[in-house]
Amino acid sequence: MNTITATDGTQLSAETDVLLASKLADYEQGKGWDEGISPFDQHTILGEYLEYVGEFSS
């Protein structure tokens, strides 16, 4: 289980870094953040969250 603490102190947990990155994106950007944008943009944004999670998850 991977866990990360959001900037407001909320802890998010998931079984994989990919799921944790997705949860963090939903938490920070709001559910549906990926609607109406291209798959390339979705991939790019989620990739940035994945890099962030990889640096700070435990």
C-alpha atoms as a PDB file:
ATOM      1  CA  MET A   1       0.000   0.000   0.000  1.00  0.00           C
ATOM      2  CA  ASN A   2       1.367   3.405  -1.009  1.00  0.00           C
ATOM      3  CA  THR A   3       0.457   6.577   0.848  1.00  0.00           C
ATOM      4  CA  ILE A   4       1.006  10.249   0.126  1.00  0.00           C
ATOM      5  CA  THR A   5       0.010  13.353   2.056  1.00  0.00           C
ATOM      6  CA  ALA A   6      -1.633  16.151   0.069  1.00  0.00           C
ATOM      7  CA  THR A   7      -0.629  19.756   0.693  1.00  0.00           C
ATOM      8  CA  ASP A   8      -3.615  20.234   3.033  1.00  0.00           C
ATOM      9  CA  GLY A   9      -2.607  17.237   5.159  1.00  0.00           C
ATOM     10  CA  THR A  10      -5.086  14.752   3.705  1.00  0.00           C
ATOM     11  CA  GLN A  11      -3.588  11.283   3.324  1.00  0.00           C
ATOM     12  CA  LEU A  12      -4.367   9.283   0.197  1.00  0.00           C
ATOM     13  CA  SER A  13      -3.571   5.582  -0.163  1.00  0.00           C
ATOM     14  CA  ALA A  14      -3.687   3.075  -3.001  1.00  0.00           C
ATOM     15  CA  GLU A  15      -2.194  -0.296  -3.873  1.00  0.00           C
ATOM     16  CA  THR A  16      -0.013   1.019  -6.719  1.00  0.00           C
ATOM     17  CA  ASP A  17       1.697   4.267  -7.665  1.00  0.00           C
ATOM     18  CA  VAL A  18      -0.520   4.524 -10.758  1.00  0.00           C
ATOM     19  CA  LEU A  19      -3.713   4.290  -8.703  1.00  0.00           C
ATOM     20  CA  LEU A  20      -2.296   6.728  -6.163  1.00  0.00           C
ATOM     21  CA  ALA A  21      -1.420   9.215  -8.910  1.00  0.00           C
ATOM     22  CA  SER A  22      -4.972   8.924 -10.232  1.00  0.00           C
ATOM     23  CA  LYS A  23      -6.433   9.501  -6.756  1.00  0.00           C
ATOM     24  CA  LEU A  24      -4.194  12.530  -6.243  1.00  0.00           C
ATOM     25  CA  ALA A  25      -5.207  13.986  -9.615  1.00  0.00           C
ATOM     26  CA  ASP A  26      -8.889  13.504  -8.743  1.00  0.00           C
ATOM     27  CA  TYR A  27      -8.323  15.040  -5.308  1.00  0.00           C
ATOM     28  CA  GLU A  28      -6.450  18.103  -6.560  1.00  0.00           C
ATOM     29  CA  GLN A  29      -8.231  18.675  -9.888  1.00  0.00           C
ATOM     30  CA  GLY A  30     -11.679  17.315  -9.025  1.00  0.00           C
ATOM     31  CA  LYS A  31     -13.485  14.266 -10.351  1.00  0.00           C
ATOM     32  CA  GLY A  32     -13.813  14.373 -14.109  1.00  0.00           C
ATOM     33  CA  TRP A  33     -10.665  16.486 -14.598  1.00  0.00           C
ATOM     34  CA  ASP A  34      -9.806  14.282 -17.560  1.00  0.00           C
ATOM     35  CA  GLU A  35     -13.120  14.736 -19.382  1.00  0.00           C
ATOM     36  CA  GLY A  36     -12.987  16.835 -22.506  1.00  0.00           C
ATOM     37  CA  ILE A  37      -9.226  16.738 -22.951  1.00  0.00           C
ATOM     38  CA  SER A  38      -7.271  14.626 -25.397  1.00  0.00           C
ATOM     39  CA  PRO A  39      -5.837  11.248 -24.386  1.00  0.00           C
ATOM     40  CA  PHE A  40      -2.371  12.732 -24.937  1.00  0.00           C
ATOM     41  CA  ASP A  41      -3.084  15.499 -22.424  1.00  0.00           C
ATOM     42  CA  GLN A  42      -4.568  12.992 -19.965  1.00  0.00           C
ATOM     43  CA  HIS A  43      -1.425  10.872 -20.247  1.00  0.00           C
ATOM     44  CA  THR A  44       0.864  13.878 -19.839  1.00  0.00           C
ATOM     45  CA  ILE A  45      -0.928  15.184 -16.757  1.00  0.00           C
ATOM     46  CA  LEU A  46      -1.205  11.777 -15.108  1.00  0.00           C
ATOM     47  CA  GLY A  47       2.462  11.148 -15.922  1.00  0.00           C
ATOM     48  CA  GLU A  48       3.375  14.295 -13.987  1.00  0.00           C
ATOM     49  CA  TYR A  49       1.352  13.086 -11.007  1.00  0.00           C
ATOM     50  CA  LEU A  50       3.004   9.671 -11.279  1.00  0.00           C
ATOM     51  CA  GLU A  51       6.468  11.245 -11.164  1.00  0.00           C
ATOM     52  CA  TYR A  52       5.434  13.265  -8.110  1.00  0.00           C
ATOM     53  CA  VAL A  53       3.995  10.216  -6.357  1.00  0.00           C
ATOM     54  CA  GLY A  54       7.138   8.239  -7.131  1.00  0.00           C
ATOM     55  CA  GLU A  55       9.231  10.841  -5.333  1.00  0.00           C
ATOM     56  CA  PHE A  56       7.121  11.155  -2.193  1.00  0.00           C
ATOM     57  CA  SER A  57       5.082   7.992  -1.642  1.00  0.00           C
ATOM     58  CA  SER A  58       5.953   5.587   1.146  1.00  0.00           C
END
